[in-house]
């Protein structure tokens, strides 16, 4: 691990100033991802800015919804009574991710900013456009079983690892940030980037900006939802494919549909056309299959991950079926599809 300087920020303004003044600085809170990256020499910050003392660790009601402070632990969000009452999809996604020990340390803001678990990104001995722009992407012709089938580019086929973010995408959350030029709100669907020709940039954050909170809107998907995560093993594994489904039902008819996928793209994946087609339709397997076909029409699998296309199709149908029936996925269910 490289040598670095340490700064503890007492206010949000101090944190922003410290980061903005040093291009090699990084924020640290729970450290569940950054410390690993530093150990692997993937991240080599010259300065660590400790933000654990900032007053961003509360869950409060806001504009009819909830505001999750950036420093609220994942475990706290997952077991919060208001979250479970109003946004159980989010609680379910969090409980599907990581281990209890990591959920106790990981934060809301850190979850949004965690980086891909692509093998090549973590291996300093191999090229990686995300780690070193212009060096190449060996995943395209190498071992690519866990990689993207949607939204990839010729420079990167890595996937976003978060479970929490898939649920937040489906819930239309908003990210509040502050930087040298003041505060701004970022719709969740615009927070994470597709790789394009700048795969090293995971988000639309500007240099010096810090995540303050995640705001959940005043909507009710508490009855018809599910978070389905398909993975190699039940405990402590990242998703091959995950589905966050949130429906508003009128009898057997879908009034409103939200659907986000994880494990398939560089960011949580939503398809507006598929959601629109679900609205006003009967909650049948045929309806769900048609939505899956729309989402996966542009899938581009590689040598070792072609199985993800059919896995995602089945997961979408199953997730929507569970949501429509009001029988959310149990995170202890060992069946995969």
C-alpha atoms as a PDB file:
ATOM      1  CA  UNK A   1       0.000   0.000   0.000  1.00  0.00           C
ATOM      2  CA  UNK A   2       1.366   3.433  -0.906  1.00  0.00           C
ATOM      3  CA  UNK A   3       2.040   6.123   1.666  1.00  0.00           C
ATOM      4  CA  UNK A   4      -0.658   8.753   2.029  1.00  0.00           C
ATOM      5  CA  UNK A   5      -1.596  11.770   4.120  1.00  0.00           C
ATOM      6  CA  UNK A   6      -4.643  11.730   6.362  1.00  0.00           C
ATOM      7  CA  UNK A   7      -7.177  14.515   6.903  1.00  0.00           C
ATOM      8  CA  UNK A   8     -10.298  14.409   9.082  1.00  0.00           C
ATOM      9  CA  UNK A   9     -13.069  16.702   7.872  1.00  0.00           C
ATOM     10  CA  UNK A  10     -15.230  18.353  10.516  1.00  0.00           C
ATOM     11  CA  UNK A  11     -17.768  19.849   8.116  1.00  0.00           C
ATOM     12  CA  UNK A  12     -19.071  19.168   4.640  1.00  0.00           C
ATOM     13  CA  UNK A  13     -17.354  22.330   3.443  1.00  0.00           C
ATOM     14  CA  UNK A  14     -14.011  21.145   4.827  1.00  0.00           C
ATOM     15  CA  UNK A  15     -14.458  17.795   3.096  1.00  0.00           C
ATOM     16  CA  UNK A  16     -15.250  19.434  -0.243  1.00  0.00           C
ATOM     17  CA  UNK A  17     -12.296  21.824   0.041  1.00  0.00           C
ATOM     18  CA  UNK A  18      -9.881  19.015   0.920  1.00  0.00           C
ATOM     19  CA  UNK A  19     -10.939  16.893  -2.037  1.00  0.00           C
ATOM     20  CA  UNK A  20     -11.129  19.776  -4.515  1.00  0.00           C
ATOM     21  CA  UNK A  21      -7.621  20.935  -3.595  1.00  0.00           C
ATOM     22  CA  UNK A  22      -5.960  17.571  -4.220  1.00  0.00           C
ATOM     23  CA  UNK A  23      -6.648  15.488  -7.368  1.00  0.00           C
ATOM     24  CA  UNK A  24      -5.082  12.480  -5.616  1.00  0.00           C
ATOM     25  CA  UNK A  25      -7.382  12.665  -2.561  1.00  0.00           C
ATOM     26  CA  UNK A  26     -10.173  10.218  -1.793  1.00  0.00           C
ATOM     27  CA  UNK A  27     -12.977  10.212   0.778  1.00  0.00           C
ATOM     28  CA  UNK A  28     -13.176   7.357   3.234  1.00  0.00           C
ATOM     29  CA  UNK A  29     -16.070   6.336   5.479  1.00  0.00           C
ATOM     30  CA  UNK A  30     -16.707   2.608   5.955  1.00  0.00           C
ATOM     31  CA  UNK A  31     -13.767   1.817   3.667  1.00  0.00           C
ATOM     32  CA  UNK A  32     -15.170  -1.586   2.677  1.00  0.00           C
ATOM     33  CA  UNK A  33     -14.219  -1.063  -0.978  1.00  0.00           C
ATOM     34  CA  UNK A  34     -11.521   1.629  -0.956  1.00  0.00           C
ATOM     35  CA  UNK A  35      -9.227  -0.183   1.484  1.00  0.00           C
ATOM     36  CA  UNK A  36      -9.324  -3.327  -0.674  1.00  0.00           C
ATOM     37  CA  UNK A  37      -8.520  -1.281  -3.769  1.00  0.00           C
ATOM     38  CA  UNK A  38      -5.592   0.340  -1.977  1.00  0.00           C
ATOM     39  CA  UNK A  39      -4.253  -3.057  -0.899  1.00  0.00           C
ATOM     40  CA  UNK A  40      -4.372  -4.212  -4.529  1.00  0.00           C
ATOM     41  CA  UNK A  41      -2.679  -0.978  -5.676  1.00  0.00           C
ATOM     42  CA  UNK A  42      -5.679  -0.249  -7.889  1.00  0.00           C
ATOM     43  CA  UNK A  43      -6.277   2.974  -5.956  1.00  0.00           C
ATOM     44  CA  UNK A  44      -3.209   4.952  -4.836  1.00  0.00           C
ATOM     45  CA  UNK A  45      -4.559   8.096  -3.162  1.00  0.00           C
ATOM     46  CA  UNK A  46      -2.034  10.627  -1.929  1.00  0.00           C
ATOM     47  CA  UNK A  47      -4.487  11.833   0.707  1.00  0.00           C
ATOM     48  CA  UNK A  48      -7.361  10.171   2.580  1.00  0.00           C
ATOM     49  CA  UNK A  49     -10.128  12.499   3.738  1.00  0.00           C
ATOM     50  CA  UNK A  50     -11.992  10.940   6.659  1.00  0.00           C
ATOM     51  CA  UNK A  51     -15.678  11.985   6.550  1.00  0.00           C
ATOM     52  CA  UNK A  52     -16.988   9.731   9.318  1.00  0.00           C
ATOM     53  CA  UNK A  53     -17.583  12.679  11.675  1.00  0.00           C
ATOM     54  CA  UNK A  54     -19.891  14.567   9.294  1.00  0.00           C
ATOM     55  CA  UNK A  55     -23.577  14.901  10.310  1.00  0.00           C
ATOM     56  CA  UNK A  56     -24.860  12.695   7.487  1.00  0.00           C
ATOM     57  CA  UNK A  57     -25.898   9.625   9.448  1.00  0.00           C
ATOM     58  CA  UNK A  58     -29.658  10.011   9.834  1.00  0.00           C
ATOM     59  CA  UNK A  59     -32.798   8.697   8.136  1.00  0.00           C
ATOM     60  CA  UNK A  60     -35.457  11.393   8.153  1.00  0.00           C
ATOM     61  CA  UNK A  61     -38.792  12.017   6.481  1.00  0.00           C
ATOM     62  CA  UNK A  62     -38.468  14.453   3.592  1.00  0.00           C
ATOM     63  CA  UNK A  63     -41.025  15.787   1.069  1.00  0.00           C
ATOM     64  CA  UNK A  64     -43.363  12.906   1.814  1.00  0.00           C
ATOM     65  CA  UNK A  65     -40.614  10.341   1.313  1.00  0.00           C
ATOM     66  CA  UNK A  66     -37.398   9.466   3.149  1.00  0.00           C
ATOM     67  CA  UNK A  67     -33.916  10.966   3.105  1.00  0.00           C
ATOM     68  CA  UNK A  68     -31.051   8.541   3.725  1.00  0.00           C
ATOM     69  CA  UNK A  69     -27.907  10.288   4.922  1.00  0.00           C
ATOM     70  CA  UNK A  70     -24.765   9.326   3.038  1.00  0.00           C
ATOM     71  CA  UNK A  71     -23.142   7.935   6.210  1.00  0.00           C
ATOM     72  CA  UNK A  72     -26.061   5.760   7.309  1.00  0.00           C
ATOM     73  CA  UNK A  73     -24.853   2.161   7.491  1.00  0.00           C
ATOM     74  CA  UNK A  74     -26.385  -0.339   5.106  1.00  0.00           C
ATOM     75  CA  UNK A  75     -27.533  -2.465   8.043  1.00  0.00           C
ATOM     76  CA  UNK A  76     -29.284   0.535   9.603  1.00  0.00           C
ATOM     77  CA  UNK A  77     -31.190   1.197   6.369  1.00  0.00           C
ATOM     78  CA  UNK A  78     -32.087  -2.470   5.951  1.00  0.00           C
ATOM     79  CA  UNK A  79     -33.662  -2.721   9.410  1.00  0.00           C
ATOM     80  CA  UNK A  80     -35.155   0.757   9.702  1.00  0.00           C
ATOM     81  CA  UNK A  81     -38.916   0.520  10.453  1.00  0.00           C
ATOM     82  CA  UNK A  82     -39.887   3.270   8.001  1.00  0.00           C
ATOM     83  CA  UNK A  83     -37.778   1.778   5.218  1.00  0.00           C
ATOM     84  CA  UNK A  84     -39.353  -1.632   5.765  1.00  0.00           C
ATOM     85  CA  UNK A  85     -42.847  -0.155   5.907  1.00  0.00           C
ATOM     86  CA  UNK A  86     -42.609   2.080   2.859  1.00  0.00           C
ATOM     87  CA  UNK A  87     -39.669   0.793   0.788  1.00  0.00           C
ATOM     88  CA  UNK A  88     -39.267  -2.922   1.532  1.00  0.00           C
ATOM     89  CA  UNK A  89     -37.721  -3.400  -1.924  1.00  0.00           C
ATOM     90  CA  UNK A  90     -34.702  -1.430  -0.722  1.00  0.00           C
ATOM     91  CA  UNK A  91     -34.438  -3.387   2.520  1.00  0.00           C
ATOM     92  CA  UNK A  92     -34.647  -6.659   0.599  1.00  0.00           C
ATOM     93  CA  UNK A  93     -31.898  -5.606  -1.811  1.00  0.00           C
ATOM     94  CA  UNK A  94     -29.590  -4.616   1.040  1.00  0.00           C
ATOM     95  CA  UNK A  95     -30.098  -7.908   2.845  1.00  0.00           C
ATOM     96  CA  UNK A  96     -29.208  -9.727  -0.368  1.00  0.00           C
ATOM     97  CA  UNK A  97     -25.844  -7.980  -0.510  1.00  0.00           C
ATOM     98  CA  UNK A  98     -22.517  -8.606   1.217  1.00  0.00           C
ATOM     99  CA  UNK A  99     -22.313 -10.073   4.727  1.00  0.00           C
ATOM    100  CA  UNK A 100     -23.704  -8.791   8.051  1.00  0.00           C
ATOM    101  CA  UNK A 101     -20.254  -7.549   9.042  1.00  0.00           C
ATOM    102  CA  UNK A 102     -19.856  -5.556   5.833  1.00  0.00           C
ATOM    103  CA  UNK A 103     -23.391  -4.167   6.025  1.00  0.00           C
ATOM    104  CA  UNK A 104     -22.569  -2.850   9.486  1.00  0.00           C
ATOM    105  CA  UNK A 105     -19.611  -0.891   8.097  1.00  0.00           C
ATOM    106  CA  UNK A 106     -20.664   0.028   4.558  1.00  0.00           C
ATOM    107  CA  UNK A 107     -22.456   3.333   4.060  1.00  0.00           C
ATOM    108  CA  UNK A 108     -25.176   4.591   1.756  1.00  0.00           C
ATOM    109  CA  UNK A 109     -22.837   6.949  -0.082  1.00  0.00           C
ATOM    110  CA  UNK A 110     -20.100   4.351  -0.310  1.00  0.00           C
ATOM    111  CA  UNK A 111     -22.509   1.818  -1.764  1.00  0.00           C
ATOM    112  CA  UNK A 112     -23.277   4.207  -4.609  1.00  0.00           C
ATOM    113  CA  UNK A 113     -19.573   4.704  -5.312  1.00  0.00           C
ATOM    114  CA  UNK A 114     -18.257   1.154  -5.061  1.00  0.00           C
ATOM    115  CA  UNK A 115     -16.312  -0.020  -8.074  1.00  0.00           C
ATOM    116  CA  UNK A 116     -16.627  -3.047 -10.323  1.00  0.00           C
ATOM    117  CA  UNK A 117     -15.404  -6.471  -9.259  1.00  0.00           C
ATOM    118  CA  UNK A 118     -14.059  -7.266 -12.732  1.00  0.00           C
ATOM    119  CA  UNK A 119     -11.088  -9.637 -12.351  1.00  0.00           C
ATOM    120  CA  UNK A 120      -8.917  -7.584 -14.691  1.00  0.00           C
ATOM    121  CA  UNK A 121      -9.663  -4.316 -12.904  1.00  0.00           C
ATOM    122  CA  UNK A 122      -8.346  -5.829  -9.667  1.00  0.00           C
ATOM    123  CA  UNK A 123      -5.281  -7.433 -11.283  1.00  0.00           C
ATOM    124  CA  UNK A 124      -2.578  -4.773 -11.556  1.00  0.00           C
ATOM    125  CA  UNK A 125      -0.592  -7.105 -13.792  1.00  0.00           C
ATOM    126  CA  UNK A 126      -3.142  -6.983 -16.627  1.00  0.00           C
ATOM    127  CA  UNK A 127      -4.287  -4.092 -18.839  1.00  0.00           C
ATOM    128  CA  UNK A 128      -7.576  -2.384 -17.932  1.00  0.00           C
ATOM    129  CA  UNK A 129      -9.104   0.703 -19.494  1.00  0.00           C
ATOM    130  CA  UNK A 130     -10.979   1.449 -16.296  1.00  0.00           C
ATOM    131  CA  UNK A 131      -7.791   1.380 -14.232  1.00  0.00           C
ATOM    132  CA  UNK A 132      -5.455   2.778 -16.918  1.00  0.00           C
ATOM    133  CA  UNK A 133      -7.327   4.413 -19.826  1.00  0.00           C
ATOM    134  CA  UNK A 134      -6.066   3.328 -23.231  1.00  0.00           C
ATOM    135  CA  UNK A 135      -4.391   0.128 -22.048  1.00  0.00           C
ATOM    136  CA  UNK A 136      -7.101  -2.216 -23.358  1.00  0.00           C
ATOM    137  CA  UNK A 137      -9.847  -4.514 -22.091  1.00  0.00           C
ATOM    138  CA  UNK A 138      -8.701  -8.149 -21.910  1.00  0.00           C
ATOM    139  CA  UNK A 139     -12.102  -9.197 -20.575  1.00  0.00           C
ATOM    140  CA  UNK A 140     -13.529  -8.978 -24.076  1.00  0.00           C
ATOM    141  CA  UNK A 141     -11.493 -11.946 -25.262  1.00  0.00           C
ATOM    142  CA  UNK A 142     -10.667 -13.425 -21.862  1.00  0.00           C
ATOM    143  CA  UNK A 143     -12.707 -14.794 -18.988  1.00  0.00           C
ATOM    144  CA  UNK A 144     -15.909 -12.760 -19.140  1.00  0.00           C
ATOM    145  CA  UNK A 145     -18.488 -14.894 -17.340  1.00  0.00           C
ATOM    146  CA  UNK A 146     -19.499 -12.109 -14.907  1.00  0.00           C
ATOM    147  CA  UNK A 147     -19.396  -9.277 -17.426  1.00  0.00           C
ATOM    148  CA  UNK A 148     -21.948  -7.035 -19.118  1.00  0.00           C
ATOM    149  CA  UNK A 149     -24.447  -8.037 -21.775  1.00  0.00           C
ATOM    150  CA  UNK A 150     -26.083  -4.590 -22.025  1.00  0.00           C
ATOM    151  CA  UNK A 151     -24.745  -1.060 -22.441  1.00  0.00           C
ATOM    152  CA  UNK A 152     -21.092  -2.061 -22.823  1.00  0.00           C
ATOM    153  CA  UNK A 153     -18.661  -0.319 -25.163  1.00  0.00           C
ATOM    154  CA  UNK A 154     -15.544  -1.218 -27.097  1.00  0.00           C
ATOM    155  CA  UNK A 155     -13.478  -0.011 -24.136  1.00  0.00           C
ATOM    156  CA  UNK A 156     -15.130  -1.778 -21.167  1.00  0.00           C
ATOM    157  CA  UNK A 157     -17.580  -4.589 -20.390  1.00  0.00           C
ATOM    158  CA  UNK A 158     -17.447  -4.376 -16.583  1.00  0.00           C
ATOM    159  CA  UNK A 159     -20.626  -4.492 -14.483  1.00  0.00           C
ATOM    160  CA  UNK A 160     -21.755  -2.417 -11.518  1.00  0.00           C
ATOM    161  CA  UNK A 161     -21.705  -4.576  -8.356  1.00  0.00           C
ATOM    162  CA  UNK A 162     -24.283  -2.949  -6.062  1.00  0.00           C
ATOM    163  CA  UNK A 163     -27.582  -4.505  -4.963  1.00  0.00           C
ATOM    164  CA  UNK A 164     -28.734  -1.358  -3.194  1.00  0.00           C
ATOM    165  CA  UNK A 165     -28.338   0.710  -6.348  1.00  0.00           C
ATOM    166  CA  UNK A 166     -30.563  -1.605  -8.388  1.00  0.00           C
ATOM    167  CA  UNK A 167     -33.395  -1.044  -5.911  1.00  0.00           C
ATOM    168  CA  UNK A 168     -32.745   2.705  -5.789  1.00  0.00           C
ATOM    169  CA  UNK A 169     -32.898   2.846  -9.581  1.00  0.00           C
ATOM    170  CA  UNK A 170     -36.271   1.107  -9.583  1.00  0.00           C
ATOM    171  CA  UNK A 171     -37.535   3.462  -6.871  1.00  0.00           C
ATOM    172  CA  UNK A 172     -36.523   6.593  -8.831  1.00  0.00           C
ATOM    173  CA  UNK A 173     -34.362   7.920  -6.015  1.00  0.00           C
ATOM    174  CA  UNK A 174     -32.484  11.219  -6.188  1.00  0.00           C
ATOM    175  CA  UNK A 175     -28.888  11.809  -5.063  1.00  0.00           C
ATOM    176  CA  UNK A 176     -28.059  15.067  -3.274  1.00  0.00           C
ATOM    177  CA  UNK A 177     -24.453  16.206  -3.642  1.00  0.00           C
ATOM    178  CA  UNK A 178     -22.362  19.226  -2.723  1.00  0.00           C
ATOM    179  CA  UNK A 179     -19.203  20.504  -4.370  1.00  0.00           C
ATOM    180  CA  UNK A 180     -17.115  23.629  -4.909  1.00  0.00           C
ATOM    181  CA  UNK A 181     -19.949  25.152  -6.942  1.00  0.00           C
ATOM    182  CA  UNK A 182     -22.684  24.407  -4.413  1.00  0.00           C
ATOM    183  CA  UNK A 183     -25.382  21.766  -4.089  1.00  0.00           C
ATOM    184  CA  UNK A 184     -27.226  19.929  -6.819  1.00  0.00           C
ATOM    185  CA  UNK A 185     -29.670  17.045  -7.222  1.00  0.00           C
ATOM    186  CA  UNK A 186     -28.953  14.125  -9.547  1.00  0.00           C
ATOM    187  CA  UNK A 187     -31.772  11.762 -10.623  1.00  0.00           C
ATOM    188  CA  UNK A 188     -30.599   8.264  -9.831  1.00  0.00           C
ATOM    189  CA  UNK A 189     -30.798   7.175 -13.450  1.00  0.00           C
ATOM    190  CA  UNK A 190     -28.248   9.873 -14.305  1.00  0.00           C
ATOM    191  CA  UNK A 191     -25.848   9.217 -11.429  1.00  0.00           C
ATOM    192  CA  UNK A 192     -24.005   6.197 -12.878  1.00  0.00           C
ATOM    193  CA  UNK A 193     -22.485   6.258 -16.367  1.00  0.00           C
ATOM    194  CA  UNK A 194     -22.199   3.761 -19.181  1.00  0.00           C
ATOM    195  CA  UNK A 195     -18.514   3.215 -20.059  1.00  0.00           C
ATOM    196  CA  UNK A 196     -18.473   4.857 -23.491  1.00  0.00           C
ATOM    197  CA  UNK A 197     -14.922   5.982 -24.224  1.00  0.00           C
ATOM    198  CA  UNK A 198     -14.277   7.001 -20.586  1.00  0.00           C
ATOM    199  CA  UNK A 199     -14.700   3.770 -18.610  1.00  0.00           C
ATOM    200  CA  UNK A 200     -12.572   5.150 -15.772  1.00  0.00           C
ATOM    201  CA  UNK A 201     -15.512   7.427 -14.844  1.00  0.00           C
ATOM    202  CA  UNK A 202     -18.176   5.454 -12.982  1.00  0.00           C
ATOM    203  CA  UNK A 203     -20.464   8.353 -12.081  1.00  0.00           C
ATOM    204  CA  UNK A 204     -21.417  11.871 -13.120  1.00  0.00           C
ATOM    205  CA  UNK A 205     -19.962  13.367  -9.946  1.00  0.00           C
ATOM    206  CA  UNK A 206     -17.683  16.337 -10.559  1.00  0.00           C
ATOM    207  CA  UNK A 207     -14.295  16.642  -8.913  1.00  0.00           C
ATOM    208  CA  UNK A 208     -14.635  17.757  -5.317  1.00  0.00           C
ATOM    209  CA  UNK A 209     -18.276  16.720  -4.923  1.00  0.00           C
ATOM    210  CA  UNK A 210     -19.487  14.671  -1.985  1.00  0.00           C
ATOM    211  CA  UNK A 211     -22.705  12.655  -1.698  1.00  0.00           C
ATOM    212  CA  UNK A 212     -24.908  14.114   1.048  1.00  0.00           C
ATOM    213  CA  UNK A 213     -27.972  11.891   0.881  1.00  0.00           C
ATOM    214  CA  UNK A 214     -30.251   9.693  -1.192  1.00  0.00           C
ATOM    215  CA  UNK A 215     -33.898  10.812  -1.337  1.00  0.00           C
ATOM    216  CA  UNK A 216     -36.725   8.327  -1.824  1.00  0.00           C
ATOM    217  CA  UNK A 217     -39.892   9.739  -3.414  1.00  0.00           C
ATOM    218  CA  UNK A 218     -43.392   9.712  -1.969  1.00  0.00           C
ATOM    219  CA  UNK A 219     -44.606   6.587  -3.768  1.00  0.00           C
ATOM    220  CA  UNK A 220     -46.013   3.303  -2.559  1.00  0.00           C
ATOM    221  CA  UNK A 221     -44.623   0.034  -3.903  1.00  0.00           C
ATOM    222  CA  UNK A 222     -44.794  -1.671  -0.530  1.00  0.00           C
ATOM    223  CA  UNK A 223     -47.249  -4.401  -1.538  1.00  0.00           C
ATOM    224  CA  UNK A 224     -46.102  -5.511  -4.968  1.00  0.00           C
ATOM    225  CA  UNK A 225     -42.338  -5.747  -5.162  1.00  0.00           C
ATOM    226  CA  UNK A 226     -39.474  -8.199  -5.205  1.00  0.00           C
ATOM    227  CA  UNK A 227     -35.690  -8.239  -5.298  1.00  0.00           C
ATOM    228  CA  UNK A 228     -34.440 -11.381  -6.972  1.00  0.00           C
ATOM    229  CA  UNK A 229     -30.686 -12.009  -6.941  1.00  0.00           C
ATOM    230  CA  UNK A 230     -29.176 -14.890  -8.873  1.00  0.00           C
ATOM    231  CA  UNK A 231     -25.604 -15.732  -7.909  1.00  0.00           C
ATOM    232  CA  UNK A 232     -23.132 -18.579  -7.711  1.00  0.00           C
ATOM    233  CA  UNK A 233     -23.629 -19.070  -3.983  1.00  0.00           C
ATOM    234  CA  UNK A 234     -26.212 -17.740  -1.551  1.00  0.00           C
ATOM    235  CA  UNK A 235     -23.794 -16.121   0.879  1.00  0.00           C
ATOM    236  CA  UNK A 236     -21.563 -13.134   0.110  1.00  0.00           C
ATOM    237  CA  UNK A 237     -21.542 -13.234  -3.689  1.00  0.00           C
ATOM    238  CA  UNK A 238     -22.208 -10.606  -6.319  1.00  0.00           C
ATOM    239  CA  UNK A 239     -25.123 -10.965  -8.707  1.00  0.00           C
ATOM    240  CA  UNK A 240     -24.835 -12.685 -12.047  1.00  0.00           C
ATOM    241  CA  UNK A 241     -28.276 -11.190 -12.666  1.00  0.00           C
ATOM    242  CA  UNK A 242     -30.573  -9.362 -10.265  1.00  0.00           C
ATOM    243  CA  UNK A 243     -34.045  -7.912 -10.704  1.00  0.00           C
ATOM    244  CA  UNK A 244     -35.758  -5.158  -8.726  1.00  0.00           C
ATOM    245  CA  UNK A 245     -39.444  -5.103  -9.604  1.00  0.00           C
ATOM    246  CA  UNK A 246     -41.982  -2.637  -8.203  1.00  0.00           C
ATOM    247  CA  UNK A 247     -45.584  -2.623  -9.368  1.00  0.00           C
ATOM    248  CA  UNK A 248     -48.766  -0.750  -8.617  1.00  0.00           C
ATOM    249  CA  UNK A 249     -51.688  -3.068  -9.293  1.00  0.00           C
ATOM    250  CA  UNK A 250     -55.362  -2.534 -10.066  1.00  0.00           C
ATOM    251  CA  UNK A 251     -56.742  -5.986  -9.505  1.00  0.00           C
ATOM    252  CA  UNK A 252     -54.904  -8.180 -12.014  1.00  0.00           C
ATOM    253  CA  UNK A 253     -53.887  -5.223 -14.179  1.00  0.00           C
ATOM    254  CA  UNK A 254     -50.560  -3.419 -13.925  1.00  0.00           C
ATOM    255  CA  UNK A 255     -51.123   0.287 -13.318  1.00  0.00           C
ATOM    256  CA  UNK A 256     -47.470   1.315 -12.858  1.00  0.00           C
ATOM    257  CA  UNK A 257     -44.287  -0.686 -13.410  1.00  0.00           C
ATOM    258  CA  UNK A 258     -40.691  -0.136 -12.374  1.00  0.00           C
ATOM    259  CA  UNK A 259     -38.012  -2.628 -13.301  1.00  0.00           C
ATOM    260  CA  UNK A 260     -34.241  -2.479 -12.856  1.00  0.00           C
ATOM    261  CA  UNK A 261     -31.589  -5.118 -13.505  1.00  0.00           C
ATOM    262  CA  UNK A 262     -28.218  -5.624 -11.877  1.00  0.00           C
ATOM    263  CA  UNK A 263     -25.215  -7.697 -12.911  1.00  0.00           C
ATOM    264  CA  UNK A 264     -25.804  -7.039 -16.615  1.00  0.00           C
ATOM    265  CA  UNK A 265     -24.405  -3.553 -17.280  1.00  0.00           C
ATOM    266  CA  UNK A 266     -22.016  -0.824 -16.171  1.00  0.00           C
ATOM    267  CA  UNK A 267     -24.883   0.723 -14.187  1.00  0.00           C
ATOM    268  CA  UNK A 268     -28.275  -0.474 -12.875  1.00  0.00           C
ATOM    269  CA  UNK A 269     -30.250  -1.122 -16.056  1.00  0.00           C
ATOM    270  CA  UNK A 270     -33.730   0.248 -16.764  1.00  0.00           C
ATOM    271  CA  UNK A 271     -35.680   0.230 -20.008  1.00  0.00           C
ATOM    272  CA  UNK A 272     -38.420   2.845 -20.313  1.00  0.00           C
ATOM    273  CA  UNK A 273     -40.075   1.093 -23.247  1.00  0.00           C
ATOM    274  CA  UNK A 274     -40.435  -2.173 -21.346  1.00  0.00           C
ATOM    275  CA  UNK A 275     -41.929  -0.396 -18.333  1.00  0.00           C
ATOM    276  CA  UNK A 276     -44.346   1.491 -20.565  1.00  0.00           C
ATOM    277  CA  UNK A 277     -45.475  -1.717 -22.256  1.00  0.00           C
ATOM    278  CA  UNK A 278     -46.233  -3.303 -18.896  1.00  0.00           C
ATOM    279  CA  UNK A 279     -48.606  -0.513 -17.871  1.00  0.00           C
ATOM    280  CA  UNK A 280     -52.264  -1.295 -18.443  1.00  0.00           C
ATOM    281  CA  UNK A 281     -51.511  -4.936 -19.231  1.00  0.00           C
ATOM    282  CA  UNK A 282     -52.689  -8.072 -17.399  1.00  0.00           C
ATOM    283  CA  UNK A 283     -50.163  -9.548 -14.991  1.00  0.00           C
ATOM    284  CA  UNK A 284     -49.525 -12.719 -16.983  1.00  0.00           C
ATOM    285  CA  UNK A 285     -46.435 -14.692 -17.894  1.00  0.00           C
ATOM    286  CA  UNK A 286     -46.901 -13.694 -21.524  1.00  0.00           C
ATOM    287  CA  UNK A 287     -46.904 -10.000 -20.586  1.00  0.00           C
ATOM    288  CA  UNK A 288     -43.760 -10.466 -18.546  1.00  0.00           C
ATOM    289  CA  UNK A 289     -42.001 -12.400 -21.320  1.00  0.00           C
ATOM    290  CA  UNK A 290     -42.752  -9.637 -23.791  1.00  0.00           C
ATOM    291  CA  UNK A 291     -41.230  -7.090 -21.419  1.00  0.00           C
ATOM    292  CA  UNK A 292     -38.145  -9.270 -21.028  1.00  0.00           C
ATOM    293  CA  UNK A 293     -37.810  -9.523 -24.810  1.00  0.00           C
ATOM    294  CA  UNK A 294     -37.829  -5.721 -25.097  1.00  0.00           C
ATOM    295  CA  UNK A 295     -35.143  -5.347 -22.435  1.00  0.00           C
ATOM    296  CA  UNK A 296     -32.887  -8.030 -23.876  1.00  0.00           C
ATOM    297  CA  UNK A 297     -33.339  -7.193 -27.555  1.00  0.00           C
ATOM    298  CA  UNK A 298     -30.007  -5.330 -27.581  1.00  0.00           C
ATOM    299  CA  UNK A 299     -28.099  -7.803 -25.422  1.00  0.00           C
ATOM    300  CA  UNK A 300     -24.556  -8.424 -26.630  1.00  0.00           C
ATOM    301  CA  UNK A 301     -23.117 -11.449 -24.857  1.00  0.00           C
ATOM    302  CA  UNK A 302     -19.512 -12.602 -25.010  1.00  0.00           C
ATOM    303  CA  UNK A 303     -17.891 -16.021 -25.107  1.00  0.00           C
ATOM    304  CA  UNK A 304     -18.490 -17.007 -21.488  1.00  0.00           C
ATOM    305  CA  UNK A 305     -21.582 -15.020 -20.477  1.00  0.00           C
ATOM    306  CA  UNK A 306     -24.140 -15.854 -23.161  1.00  0.00           C
ATOM    307  CA  UNK A 307     -26.031 -17.790 -20.478  1.00  0.00           C
ATOM    308  CA  UNK A 308     -26.876 -14.438 -18.858  1.00  0.00           C
ATOM    309  CA  UNK A 309     -29.368 -13.595 -21.600  1.00  0.00           C
ATOM    310  CA  UNK A 310     -31.660 -16.512 -20.836  1.00  0.00           C
ATOM    311  CA  UNK A 311     -30.949 -16.220 -17.109  1.00  0.00           C
ATOM    312  CA  UNK A 312     -32.028 -12.577 -17.207  1.00  0.00           C
ATOM    313  CA  UNK A 313     -35.156 -13.430 -19.203  1.00  0.00           C
ATOM    314  CA  UNK A 314     -36.235 -16.009 -16.650  1.00  0.00           C
ATOM    315  CA  UNK A 315     -35.324 -13.721 -13.764  1.00  0.00           C
ATOM    316  CA  UNK A 316     -37.436 -10.881 -15.173  1.00  0.00           C
ATOM    317  CA  UNK A 317     -40.455 -13.136 -15.591  1.00  0.00           C
ATOM    318  CA  UNK A 318     -40.042 -14.603 -12.124  1.00  0.00           C
ATOM    319  CA  UNK A 319     -39.414 -11.227 -10.486  1.00  0.00           C
ATOM    320  CA  UNK A 320     -42.459  -9.624 -12.091  1.00  0.00           C
ATOM    321  CA  UNK A 321     -44.595 -12.653 -11.233  1.00  0.00           C
ATOM    322  CA  UNK A 322     -43.572 -12.443  -7.571  1.00  0.00           C
ATOM    323  CA  UNK A 323     -44.178  -8.696  -7.469  1.00  0.00           C
ATOM    324  CA  UNK A 324     -47.624  -8.977  -9.076  1.00  0.00           C
ATOM    325  CA  UNK A 325     -48.637 -11.741  -6.690  1.00  0.00           C
ATOM    326  CA  UNK A 326     -47.382  -9.827  -3.654  1.00  0.00           C
ATOM    327  CA  UNK A 327     -45.013 -12.660  -2.744  1.00  0.00           C
ATOM    328  CA  UNK A 328     -41.557 -11.058  -2.560  1.00  0.00           C
ATOM    329  CA  UNK A 329     -38.431 -13.155  -2.903  1.00  0.00           C
ATOM    330  CA  UNK A 330     -37.037 -14.534   0.317  1.00  0.00           C
ATOM    331  CA  UNK A 331     -33.306 -13.925   0.615  1.00  0.00           C
ATOM    332  CA  UNK A 332     -32.914 -17.441   2.053  1.00  0.00           C
ATOM    333  CA  UNK A 333     -34.461 -19.124  -1.010  1.00  0.00           C
ATOM    334  CA  UNK A 334     -31.756 -21.283  -2.606  1.00  0.00           C
ATOM    335  CA  UNK A 335     -33.557 -21.796  -5.921  1.00  0.00           C
ATOM    336  CA  UNK A 336     -32.130 -19.747  -8.787  1.00  0.00           C
ATOM    337  CA  UNK A 337     -34.678 -19.872 -11.601  1.00  0.00           C
END
